[in-house]
N, C-alpha and C. Protein backbone atom coordinates (compact mmCIF):
# COMPACT_ATOMS: atom_id res chain seq x y z
N MET A 1 4.67 -14.14 63.58
CA MET A 1 5.27 -13.46 62.45
C MET A 1 6.44 -14.29 61.95
N THR A 2 6.55 -14.38 60.67
CA THR A 2 7.66 -15.13 60.10
C THR A 2 8.91 -14.28 60.10
N SER A 3 10.03 -14.92 60.05
CA SER A 3 11.30 -14.20 60.04
C SER A 3 11.44 -13.40 58.75
N ILE A 4 12.02 -12.26 58.86
CA ILE A 4 12.25 -11.39 57.72
C ILE A 4 13.61 -11.72 57.15
N GLU A 5 13.67 -12.02 55.88
CA GLU A 5 14.94 -12.37 55.26
C GLU A 5 15.83 -11.14 55.14
N PRO A 6 17.13 -11.29 55.41
CA PRO A 6 18.02 -10.16 55.31
C PRO A 6 18.28 -9.76 53.86
N MET A 7 18.50 -8.49 53.66
CA MET A 7 18.94 -8.01 52.35
C MET A 7 20.36 -8.53 52.16
N PRO A 8 20.77 -8.85 50.92
CA PRO A 8 22.13 -9.37 50.71
C PRO A 8 23.21 -8.47 51.30
N SER A 9 23.05 -7.16 51.22
CA SER A 9 24.05 -6.23 51.75
C SER A 9 24.15 -6.31 53.27
N GLN A 10 23.12 -6.81 53.93
CA GLN A 10 23.13 -6.86 55.39
C GLN A 10 23.83 -8.12 55.91
N THR A 11 24.24 -8.99 55.03
CA THR A 11 24.96 -10.17 55.48
C THR A 11 26.46 -9.97 55.32
N ARG A 12 26.87 -8.82 54.78
CA ARG A 12 28.28 -8.52 54.60
C ARG A 12 28.80 -7.71 55.78
N ALA A 13 30.07 -7.33 55.68
CA ALA A 13 30.71 -6.55 56.74
C ALA A 13 29.98 -5.22 56.97
N THR A 14 30.15 -4.71 58.15
CA THR A 14 29.54 -3.46 58.56
C THR A 14 30.10 -2.31 57.72
N PRO A 15 29.24 -1.36 57.32
CA PRO A 15 29.76 -0.22 56.56
C PRO A 15 30.70 0.64 57.41
N HIS A 16 31.58 1.35 56.74
CA HIS A 16 32.51 2.28 57.41
C HIS A 16 31.71 3.29 58.22
N GLY A 17 32.10 3.50 59.47
CA GLY A 17 31.42 4.46 60.31
C GLY A 17 30.26 3.90 61.11
N ALA A 18 30.03 2.60 61.03
CA ALA A 18 28.94 1.99 61.79
C ALA A 18 29.27 2.01 63.28
N LEU A 19 28.24 1.96 64.11
CA LEU A 19 28.42 2.00 65.57
C LEU A 19 29.28 0.86 66.10
N PHE A 20 29.13 -0.30 65.50
CA PHE A 20 29.93 -1.45 65.90
C PHE A 20 29.95 -2.46 64.77
N ASP A 21 30.88 -3.38 64.86
CA ASP A 21 31.07 -4.40 63.84
C ASP A 21 29.96 -5.45 63.95
N THR A 22 29.25 -5.67 62.88
CA THR A 22 28.16 -6.66 62.88
C THR A 22 28.53 -7.93 62.10
N SER A 23 29.81 -8.09 61.79
CA SER A 23 30.20 -9.23 60.95
C SER A 23 29.89 -10.58 61.59
N GLU A 24 29.77 -10.64 62.91
CA GLU A 24 29.45 -11.90 63.58
C GLU A 24 27.97 -12.07 63.88
N VAL A 25 27.15 -11.09 63.47
CA VAL A 25 25.70 -11.15 63.71
C VAL A 25 25.07 -12.00 62.61
N ASP A 26 24.25 -12.95 63.00
CA ASP A 26 23.51 -13.77 62.03
C ASP A 26 22.16 -13.11 61.78
N PHE A 27 22.02 -12.46 60.64
CA PHE A 27 20.81 -11.71 60.32
C PHE A 27 19.62 -12.60 59.97
N ARG A 28 19.84 -13.90 59.94
CA ARG A 28 18.73 -14.83 59.70
C ARG A 28 18.00 -15.18 60.99
N LEU A 29 18.59 -14.83 62.12
CA LEU A 29 17.99 -15.15 63.41
C LEU A 29 17.08 -14.02 63.88
N THR A 30 16.15 -14.38 64.74
CA THR A 30 15.27 -13.40 65.37
C THR A 30 15.28 -13.65 66.87
N VAL A 31 15.73 -12.66 67.63
CA VAL A 31 15.71 -12.74 69.09
C VAL A 31 14.31 -12.45 69.60
N ALA A 32 13.64 -11.48 68.97
CA ALA A 32 12.28 -11.10 69.37
C ALA A 32 11.49 -10.68 68.13
N ASP A 33 10.34 -11.31 67.94
CA ASP A 33 9.44 -10.90 66.86
C ASP A 33 8.49 -9.82 67.38
N ARG A 34 7.52 -9.39 66.56
CA ARG A 34 6.62 -8.31 66.96
C ARG A 34 5.91 -8.60 68.28
N ALA A 35 5.43 -9.82 68.44
CA ALA A 35 4.70 -10.18 69.67
C ALA A 35 5.61 -10.09 70.89
N ALA A 36 6.84 -10.56 70.78
CA ALA A 36 7.78 -10.49 71.90
C ALA A 36 8.18 -9.03 72.19
N ILE A 37 8.33 -8.23 71.15
CA ILE A 37 8.66 -6.81 71.34
C ILE A 37 7.52 -6.11 72.08
N GLU A 38 6.28 -6.45 71.75
CA GLU A 38 5.13 -5.82 72.40
C GLU A 38 5.03 -6.17 73.88
N ARG A 39 5.67 -7.25 74.30
CA ARG A 39 5.69 -7.57 75.73
C ARG A 39 6.66 -6.66 76.48
N ILE A 40 7.57 -6.02 75.76
CA ILE A 40 8.59 -5.15 76.35
C ILE A 40 8.29 -3.68 76.09
N ASN A 41 7.98 -3.35 74.83
CA ASN A 41 7.76 -1.95 74.42
C ASN A 41 6.27 -1.64 74.37
N PRO A 42 5.89 -0.41 74.68
CA PRO A 42 4.47 -0.04 74.69
C PRO A 42 3.91 0.36 73.32
N HIS A 43 4.73 0.52 72.30
CA HIS A 43 4.29 1.03 70.99
C HIS A 43 3.34 0.05 70.31
N ARG A 44 2.29 0.59 69.72
CA ARG A 44 1.27 -0.24 69.07
C ARG A 44 0.84 0.37 67.74
N HIS A 45 0.16 -0.45 66.97
CA HIS A 45 -0.45 -0.07 65.70
C HIS A 45 0.60 0.55 64.77
N GLU A 46 0.25 1.65 64.09
CA GLU A 46 1.17 2.23 63.12
C GLU A 46 2.42 2.82 63.75
N MET A 47 2.44 3.01 65.06
CA MET A 47 3.63 3.55 65.71
C MET A 47 4.58 2.46 66.22
N ALA A 48 4.26 1.21 66.04
CA ALA A 48 5.18 0.12 66.36
C ALA A 48 6.10 -0.04 65.15
N LEU A 49 7.27 0.56 65.22
CA LEU A 49 8.17 0.61 64.06
C LEU A 49 9.30 -0.39 64.12
N LEU A 50 9.39 -1.15 65.17
CA LEU A 50 10.42 -2.17 65.31
C LEU A 50 9.80 -3.52 64.97
N ASP A 51 10.20 -4.08 63.83
CA ASP A 51 9.60 -5.34 63.37
C ASP A 51 10.22 -6.57 64.01
N GLU A 52 11.51 -6.50 64.31
CA GLU A 52 12.16 -7.62 64.97
C GLU A 52 13.47 -7.16 65.59
N VAL A 53 13.85 -7.85 66.65
CA VAL A 53 15.18 -7.69 67.23
C VAL A 53 15.97 -8.89 66.74
N ILE A 54 17.11 -8.62 66.15
CA ILE A 54 17.92 -9.66 65.52
C ILE A 54 18.98 -10.21 66.46
N TRP A 55 19.56 -9.31 67.25
CA TRP A 55 20.72 -9.70 68.07
C TRP A 55 20.83 -8.76 69.26
N VAL A 56 21.23 -9.31 70.40
CA VAL A 56 21.55 -8.54 71.59
C VAL A 56 22.87 -9.08 72.12
N SER A 57 23.81 -8.19 72.40
CA SER A 57 25.11 -8.63 72.92
C SER A 57 24.93 -9.29 74.29
N ASP A 58 25.86 -10.14 74.65
CA ASP A 58 25.78 -10.85 75.93
C ASP A 58 25.71 -9.90 77.12
N ASP A 59 26.39 -8.75 77.02
CA ASP A 59 26.37 -7.78 78.12
C ASP A 59 25.21 -6.79 78.02
N ARG A 60 24.36 -6.96 77.03
CA ARG A 60 23.16 -6.13 76.82
C ARG A 60 23.48 -4.64 76.68
N THR A 61 24.57 -4.34 75.99
CA THR A 61 24.93 -2.95 75.73
C THR A 61 24.82 -2.59 74.25
N ARG A 62 24.61 -3.59 73.40
CA ARG A 62 24.47 -3.36 71.96
C ARG A 62 23.41 -4.30 71.42
N CYS A 63 22.73 -3.85 70.37
CA CYS A 63 21.75 -4.73 69.73
C CYS A 63 21.49 -4.28 68.29
N CYS A 64 20.88 -5.19 67.55
CA CYS A 64 20.47 -4.92 66.17
C CYS A 64 19.00 -5.26 66.03
N GLY A 65 18.31 -4.48 65.24
CA GLY A 65 16.90 -4.73 64.95
C GLY A 65 16.62 -4.41 63.50
N ARG A 66 15.34 -4.53 63.13
CA ARG A 66 14.98 -4.27 61.74
C ARG A 66 13.60 -3.63 61.68
N HIS A 67 13.48 -2.67 60.77
CA HIS A 67 12.19 -2.10 60.39
C HIS A 67 12.04 -2.37 58.90
N VAL A 68 10.94 -3.01 58.54
CA VAL A 68 10.65 -3.26 57.13
C VAL A 68 9.82 -2.09 56.62
N CYS A 69 10.35 -1.41 55.64
CA CYS A 69 9.69 -0.22 55.09
C CYS A 69 8.65 -0.69 54.05
N ARG A 70 7.41 -0.77 54.49
CA ARG A 70 6.35 -1.35 53.67
C ARG A 70 5.69 -0.31 52.76
N PRO A 71 5.25 -0.74 51.58
CA PRO A 71 4.59 0.19 50.65
C PRO A 71 3.23 0.68 51.16
N ASP A 72 2.66 0.00 52.16
CA ASP A 72 1.36 0.44 52.70
C ASP A 72 1.50 1.18 54.04
N ALA A 73 2.72 1.62 54.39
CA ALA A 73 2.92 2.37 55.63
C ALA A 73 2.11 3.66 55.59
N PHE A 74 1.69 4.13 56.76
CA PHE A 74 0.78 5.28 56.84
C PHE A 74 1.34 6.55 56.21
N TRP A 75 2.64 6.72 56.15
CA TRP A 75 3.25 7.96 55.65
C TRP A 75 3.48 7.95 54.14
N VAL A 76 3.41 6.79 53.51
CA VAL A 76 3.78 6.66 52.09
C VAL A 76 2.93 7.56 51.19
N ARG A 77 1.64 7.60 51.41
CA ARG A 77 0.73 8.35 50.55
C ARG A 77 1.05 9.84 50.51
N GLY A 78 1.49 10.41 51.62
CA GLY A 78 1.66 11.85 51.66
C GLY A 78 3.09 12.36 51.80
N HIS A 79 4.08 11.47 51.93
CA HIS A 79 5.47 11.93 52.15
C HIS A 79 6.41 11.22 51.20
N PHE A 80 6.47 11.50 50.03
CA PHE A 80 5.82 12.54 49.22
C PHE A 80 5.08 11.86 48.09
N PRO A 81 3.92 12.40 47.65
CA PRO A 81 3.17 11.76 46.57
C PRO A 81 4.06 11.54 45.34
N GLY A 82 4.09 10.29 44.90
CA GLY A 82 4.87 9.93 43.72
C GLY A 82 6.33 9.62 44.00
N LYS A 83 6.84 10.02 45.15
CA LYS A 83 8.24 9.74 45.53
C LYS A 83 8.32 9.59 47.05
N PRO A 84 7.78 8.49 47.59
CA PRO A 84 7.74 8.32 49.04
C PRO A 84 9.13 8.15 49.65
N LEU A 85 9.38 8.93 50.71
CA LEU A 85 10.61 8.83 51.49
C LEU A 85 10.21 8.68 52.95
N MET A 86 10.80 7.72 53.64
CA MET A 86 10.50 7.55 55.06
C MET A 86 10.97 8.79 55.81
N PRO A 87 10.07 9.46 56.53
CA PRO A 87 10.49 10.66 57.28
C PRO A 87 11.61 10.34 58.26
N GLY A 88 12.56 11.25 58.34
CA GLY A 88 13.69 11.08 59.24
C GLY A 88 13.27 10.88 60.68
N VAL A 89 12.23 11.60 61.09
CA VAL A 89 11.76 11.47 62.47
C VAL A 89 11.26 10.05 62.75
N LEU A 90 10.71 9.37 61.76
CA LEU A 90 10.27 7.99 61.95
C LEU A 90 11.45 7.03 61.95
N GLN A 91 12.49 7.35 61.20
CA GLN A 91 13.70 6.54 61.26
C GLN A 91 14.29 6.60 62.67
N VAL A 92 14.38 7.81 63.21
CA VAL A 92 14.91 7.97 64.57
C VAL A 92 13.99 7.27 65.57
N GLU A 93 12.68 7.38 65.37
CA GLU A 93 11.73 6.70 66.26
C GLU A 93 11.95 5.19 66.25
N ALA A 94 12.18 4.61 65.08
CA ALA A 94 12.43 3.16 65.00
C ALA A 94 13.69 2.80 65.80
N GLY A 95 14.74 3.62 65.65
CA GLY A 95 15.97 3.39 66.43
C GLY A 95 15.74 3.58 67.92
N ALA A 96 14.91 4.57 68.27
CA ALA A 96 14.60 4.83 69.68
C ALA A 96 13.82 3.66 70.28
N GLN A 97 12.97 3.04 69.50
CA GLN A 97 12.23 1.88 70.01
C GLN A 97 13.18 0.72 70.28
N LEU A 98 14.22 0.58 69.46
CA LEU A 98 15.23 -0.44 69.73
C LEU A 98 16.00 -0.10 71.01
N ALA A 99 16.33 1.18 71.20
CA ALA A 99 17.01 1.62 72.42
C ALA A 99 16.14 1.38 73.65
N CYS A 100 14.85 1.63 73.52
CA CYS A 100 13.91 1.39 74.61
C CYS A 100 13.86 -0.11 74.95
N TYR A 101 13.84 -0.94 73.93
CA TYR A 101 13.85 -2.38 74.14
C TYR A 101 15.10 -2.80 74.91
N LEU A 102 16.27 -2.29 74.47
CA LEU A 102 17.52 -2.65 75.13
C LEU A 102 17.53 -2.18 76.59
N TRP A 103 17.07 -0.95 76.84
CA TRP A 103 17.01 -0.43 78.21
C TRP A 103 16.05 -1.27 79.06
N ASN A 104 14.90 -1.61 78.49
CA ASN A 104 13.91 -2.39 79.24
C ASN A 104 14.40 -3.80 79.56
N MET A 105 15.29 -4.33 78.74
CA MET A 105 15.84 -5.66 79.05
C MET A 105 16.61 -5.65 80.36
N GLN A 106 17.02 -4.49 80.82
CA GLN A 106 17.80 -4.38 82.04
C GLN A 106 16.97 -3.87 83.21
N GLN A 107 15.67 -3.74 83.01
CA GLN A 107 14.76 -3.31 84.08
C GLN A 107 14.09 -4.54 84.70
N PRO A 108 13.70 -4.45 85.96
CA PRO A 108 13.01 -5.59 86.58
C PRO A 108 11.68 -5.90 85.90
N VAL A 109 10.96 -4.87 85.46
CA VAL A 109 9.72 -5.03 84.69
C VAL A 109 9.73 -3.96 83.60
N PRO A 110 9.06 -4.22 82.47
CA PRO A 110 9.03 -3.22 81.39
C PRO A 110 8.43 -1.90 81.84
N ARG A 111 9.00 -0.81 81.33
CA ARG A 111 8.56 0.54 81.69
C ARG A 111 8.38 1.37 80.42
N VAL A 112 7.54 2.36 80.51
CA VAL A 112 7.32 3.29 79.40
C VAL A 112 8.38 4.39 79.51
N ALA A 113 9.08 4.63 78.43
CA ALA A 113 10.09 5.69 78.40
C ALA A 113 9.73 6.67 77.29
N ALA A 114 10.09 7.92 77.50
CA ALA A 114 9.85 8.96 76.50
C ALA A 114 11.17 9.64 76.17
N PHE A 115 11.23 10.19 74.96
CA PHE A 115 12.39 10.97 74.54
C PHE A 115 12.60 12.16 75.45
N LEU A 116 13.82 12.44 75.78
CA LEU A 116 14.19 13.70 76.42
C LEU A 116 14.95 14.57 75.43
N ARG A 117 15.75 13.91 74.60
CA ARG A 117 16.63 14.66 73.73
C ARG A 117 17.03 13.81 72.52
N ILE A 118 17.16 14.46 71.39
CA ILE A 118 17.75 13.87 70.18
C ILE A 118 18.90 14.79 69.81
N GLU A 119 20.10 14.23 69.74
CA GLU A 119 21.28 15.04 69.45
C GLU A 119 22.05 14.44 68.28
N GLN A 120 22.81 15.29 67.63
CA GLN A 120 23.74 14.86 66.58
C GLN A 120 23.06 14.03 65.50
N ALA A 121 21.80 14.33 65.21
CA ALA A 121 21.08 13.59 64.17
C ALA A 121 21.59 14.00 62.79
N ALA A 122 21.83 13.02 61.97
CA ALA A 122 22.25 13.26 60.58
C ALA A 122 21.58 12.21 59.71
N PHE A 123 21.15 12.64 58.54
CA PHE A 123 20.49 11.76 57.58
C PHE A 123 21.34 11.72 56.33
N ARG A 124 21.69 10.52 55.89
CA ARG A 124 22.69 10.38 54.83
C ARG A 124 22.19 9.67 53.57
N THR A 125 21.20 8.79 53.72
CA THR A 125 20.69 8.02 52.60
C THR A 125 19.18 7.90 52.73
N SER A 126 18.47 8.02 51.62
CA SER A 126 17.01 7.89 51.65
C SER A 126 16.59 6.47 52.00
N VAL A 127 15.46 6.38 52.69
CA VAL A 127 14.84 5.09 52.99
C VAL A 127 13.48 5.12 52.31
N VAL A 128 13.21 4.12 51.48
CA VAL A 128 12.00 4.10 50.66
C VAL A 128 11.26 2.78 50.84
N PRO A 129 9.98 2.74 50.48
CA PRO A 129 9.25 1.48 50.56
C PRO A 129 10.00 0.36 49.82
N GLY A 130 10.03 -0.79 50.48
CA GLY A 130 10.76 -1.94 49.94
C GLY A 130 12.11 -2.13 50.62
N ASP A 131 12.60 -1.09 51.29
CA ASP A 131 13.88 -1.19 52.00
C ASP A 131 13.71 -1.90 53.34
N ASP A 132 14.75 -2.59 53.74
CA ASP A 132 14.90 -3.08 55.11
C ASP A 132 15.82 -2.10 55.80
N LEU A 133 15.35 -1.48 56.86
CA LEU A 133 16.17 -0.55 57.64
C LEU A 133 16.76 -1.33 58.81
N LEU A 134 18.04 -1.64 58.71
CA LEU A 134 18.75 -2.32 59.79
C LEU A 134 19.05 -1.27 60.84
N LEU A 135 18.73 -1.57 62.08
CA LEU A 135 18.92 -0.63 63.18
C LEU A 135 20.00 -1.13 64.13
N LEU A 136 20.90 -0.23 64.50
CA LEU A 136 21.94 -0.55 65.47
C LEU A 136 21.74 0.35 66.68
N CYS A 137 21.99 -0.18 67.85
CA CYS A 137 21.87 0.59 69.08
C CYS A 137 23.05 0.23 69.98
N LYS A 138 23.65 1.27 70.55
CA LYS A 138 24.77 1.08 71.47
C LYS A 138 24.53 1.94 72.71
N GLU A 139 24.53 1.30 73.85
CA GLU A 139 24.33 2.01 75.11
C GLU A 139 25.50 2.95 75.37
N VAL A 140 25.17 4.18 75.77
CA VAL A 140 26.18 5.15 76.16
C VAL A 140 26.16 5.30 77.68
N LYS A 141 24.97 5.44 78.24
CA LYS A 141 24.81 5.59 79.69
C LYS A 141 23.48 4.96 80.09
N LEU A 142 23.48 4.24 81.19
CA LEU A 142 22.29 3.55 81.63
C LEU A 142 22.06 3.83 83.11
N GLY A 143 20.84 4.19 83.43
CA GLY A 143 20.44 4.38 84.81
C GLY A 143 19.09 3.73 85.04
N ARG A 144 18.64 3.76 86.28
CA ARG A 144 17.35 3.14 86.61
C ARG A 144 16.21 3.86 85.91
N ARG A 145 16.28 5.19 85.81
CA ARG A 145 15.20 5.97 85.20
C ARG A 145 15.56 6.58 83.85
N ARG A 146 16.83 6.68 83.52
CA ARG A 146 17.25 7.35 82.29
C ARG A 146 18.26 6.51 81.53
N PHE A 147 18.32 6.79 80.22
CA PHE A 147 19.34 6.14 79.40
C PHE A 147 19.73 7.06 78.25
N ILE A 148 20.94 6.87 77.77
CA ILE A 148 21.44 7.54 76.58
C ILE A 148 21.96 6.44 75.67
N SER A 149 21.57 6.51 74.40
CA SER A 149 22.00 5.51 73.42
C SER A 149 22.39 6.19 72.12
N ASP A 150 23.37 5.61 71.44
CA ASP A 150 23.65 5.98 70.06
C ASP A 150 22.88 5.00 69.20
N ILE A 151 22.22 5.53 68.18
CA ILE A 151 21.44 4.70 67.27
C ILE A 151 21.85 5.01 65.84
N GLN A 152 21.60 4.04 64.98
CA GLN A 152 21.99 4.19 63.59
C GLN A 152 21.10 3.31 62.74
N GLY A 153 20.82 3.77 61.53
CA GLY A 153 20.07 2.99 60.56
C GLY A 153 20.91 2.75 59.33
N ILE A 154 20.85 1.53 58.82
CA ILE A 154 21.63 1.15 57.65
C ILE A 154 20.66 0.56 56.63
N VAL A 155 20.78 1.02 55.40
CA VAL A 155 19.95 0.48 54.32
C VAL A 155 20.86 0.21 53.12
N SER A 156 20.71 -0.96 52.54
CA SER A 156 21.52 -1.36 51.38
C SER A 156 23.01 -1.16 51.62
N GLY A 157 23.47 -1.46 52.84
CA GLY A 157 24.88 -1.38 53.15
C GLY A 157 25.41 0.03 53.37
N ARG A 158 24.51 1.03 53.43
CA ARG A 158 24.93 2.42 53.63
C ARG A 158 24.24 2.99 54.86
N ILE A 159 24.93 3.88 55.57
CA ILE A 159 24.33 4.51 56.74
C ILE A 159 23.24 5.47 56.27
N ALA A 160 22.03 5.28 56.76
CA ALA A 160 20.90 6.13 56.41
C ALA A 160 20.75 7.28 57.41
N PHE A 161 20.91 6.98 58.68
CA PHE A 161 20.82 8.01 59.72
C PHE A 161 21.64 7.60 60.92
N GLU A 162 21.94 8.59 61.76
CA GLU A 162 22.56 8.33 63.05
C GLU A 162 22.14 9.44 63.99
N ALA A 163 22.10 9.12 65.28
CA ALA A 163 21.71 10.10 66.29
C ALA A 163 22.08 9.57 67.67
N ARG A 164 22.09 10.48 68.62
CA ARG A 164 22.20 10.12 70.04
C ARG A 164 20.87 10.52 70.67
N ILE A 165 20.28 9.59 71.40
CA ILE A 165 18.99 9.88 72.04
C ILE A 165 19.09 9.69 73.53
N SER A 166 18.25 10.41 74.24
CA SER A 166 18.12 10.25 75.69
C SER A 166 16.66 9.93 75.98
N GLY A 167 16.44 9.02 76.89
CA GLY A 167 15.09 8.65 77.30
C GLY A 167 14.97 8.59 78.80
N MET A 168 13.74 8.69 79.25
CA MET A 168 13.49 8.64 80.70
C MET A 168 12.18 7.92 80.96
N ALA A 169 12.16 7.15 82.05
CA ALA A 169 10.94 6.44 82.43
C ALA A 169 9.85 7.45 82.75
N MET A 170 8.66 7.21 82.24
CA MET A 170 7.51 8.08 82.50
C MET A 170 6.73 7.62 83.70
N ASP A 171 6.91 6.39 84.08
CA ASP A 171 6.16 5.84 85.20
C ASP A 171 7.11 4.94 85.99
N GLU A 172 6.73 4.62 87.20
CA GLU A 172 7.57 3.76 88.01
C GLU A 172 7.58 2.34 87.45
N HIS A 173 6.42 1.82 87.10
CA HIS A 173 6.29 0.51 86.49
C HIS A 173 5.13 0.53 85.52
N ARG A 174 5.28 -0.16 84.42
CA ARG A 174 4.25 -0.18 83.40
C ARG A 174 3.10 -1.09 83.81
N ALA A 175 1.89 -0.59 83.64
CA ALA A 175 0.70 -1.42 83.88
C ALA A 175 0.26 -2.05 82.58
N ASP A 176 -0.10 -3.29 82.61
CA ASP A 176 -0.56 -3.97 81.37
C ASP A 176 -2.04 -3.78 81.14
């Protein structure tokens, strides 16, 4: 997969209220493309919502990723006809996949994790086909089987959504 070019607004300072300052993040870089993400995360086909990981902090407690909101996405036709809006639950899912990636980077082998809880979710700006949804993830609590992360989506320099999610390993080790 080729690198996805950043939106001009994503190369500027972090919007007010962002999880962390991204001014030193180079949005032209790719830490993990779709193929590399699939080696870590179990999501496939239309449910693979993380297009690339852009940056991971040295201590592996924060990261940035991207979801490209494509005009041919499975939800566009029906949510809503004539005025497609990316469903909030899919925005949170994209952020959760980034959180899963970050958690799995700290595991001895990749594991399948499932949501336990979504808290403090708020949706502030619409995400539509053609948008790049920049995803931010910040570790809150990390354990061998569970994790809590704050996630956020930014589009065109504005916060689109934010939430706190909890996940838990569904299996001891993932089988390929």
